[in-house]
């Protein structure tokens, strides 16, 4: 095997490894953000309906 071929193969493997590492980091970051959003969602108060449960005078 030529040195060029060996180096080319190693560079392709390194490129693949770096891509996979970057993808894994992005997925981890997205998971952390999604988890934080879900936690915040549970802490939010329910929006009050503008008239539900209120007495409305509809006399004519």
Protein backbone atom coordinates (compact mmCIF):
# COMPACT_ATOMS: atom_id res chain seq x y z
CA UNK A 1 0.00 0.00 0.00
CA UNK A 2 1.17 3.48 -0.75
CA UNK A 3 1.68 6.02 2.00
CA UNK A 4 -0.73 8.33 0.17
CA UNK A 5 -3.50 5.74 0.29
CA UNK A 6 -2.92 5.01 3.99
CA UNK A 7 -2.94 8.71 4.87
CA UNK A 8 -6.05 9.29 2.79
CA UNK A 9 -7.81 6.46 4.58
CA UNK A 10 -6.78 7.80 7.99
CA UNK A 11 -7.94 11.31 7.09
CA UNK A 12 -11.33 9.95 6.04
CA UNK A 13 -11.63 8.06 9.34
CA UNK A 14 -10.65 11.18 11.29
CA UNK A 15 -13.16 13.26 9.34
CA UNK A 16 -15.88 10.73 10.12
CA UNK A 17 -14.93 10.69 13.82
CA UNK A 18 -15.02 14.49 14.03
CA UNK A 19 -18.41 14.59 12.30
CA UNK A 20 -19.82 12.01 14.69
CA UNK A 21 -18.40 13.88 17.69
CA UNK A 22 -19.93 17.16 16.53
CA UNK A 23 -23.27 15.46 15.91
CA UNK A 24 -23.19 13.90 19.38
CA UNK A 25 -22.41 17.27 20.98
CA UNK A 26 -25.28 18.92 19.09
CA UNK A 27 -27.68 16.18 20.17
CA UNK A 28 -26.57 16.52 23.78
CA UNK A 29 -27.06 20.28 23.66
CA UNK A 30 -30.53 19.88 22.12
CA UNK A 31 -31.44 17.37 24.82
CA UNK A 32 -30.34 19.75 27.58
CA UNK A 33 -32.30 22.63 26.06
CA UNK A 34 -35.42 20.50 25.57
CA UNK A 35 -35.23 19.28 29.17
CA UNK A 36 -34.94 22.85 30.47
CA UNK A 37 -37.90 23.94 28.34
CA UNK A 38 -40.02 21.10 29.71
CA UNK A 39 -39.07 21.99 33.29
CA UNK A 40 -39.95 25.64 32.67
CA UNK A 41 -43.22 24.62 31.06
CA UNK A 42 -44.26 22.78 34.23
CA UNK A 43 -43.52 25.87 36.34
CA UNK A 44 -45.57 28.26 34.20
CA UNK A 45 -48.97 29.25 35.47
CA UNK A 46 -52.02 28.44 33.42
CA UNK A 47 -53.19 31.43 31.43
CA UNK A 48 -56.41 32.85 32.80
CA UNK A 49 -59.26 32.82 30.34
CA UNK A 50 -60.55 36.37 29.72
CA UNK A 51 -64.18 35.61 30.65
CA UNK A 52 -64.48 31.95 31.65
CA UNK A 53 -65.75 31.68 35.22
CA UNK A 54 -66.82 35.34 35.29
CA UNK A 55 -70.34 36.67 35.62
CA UNK A 56 -71.39 38.42 32.43
CA UNK A 57 -74.45 40.68 32.30
CA UNK A 58 -76.25 40.09 29.00
CA UNK A 59 -79.53 41.81 29.87
CA UNK A 60 -81.12 43.82 27.08
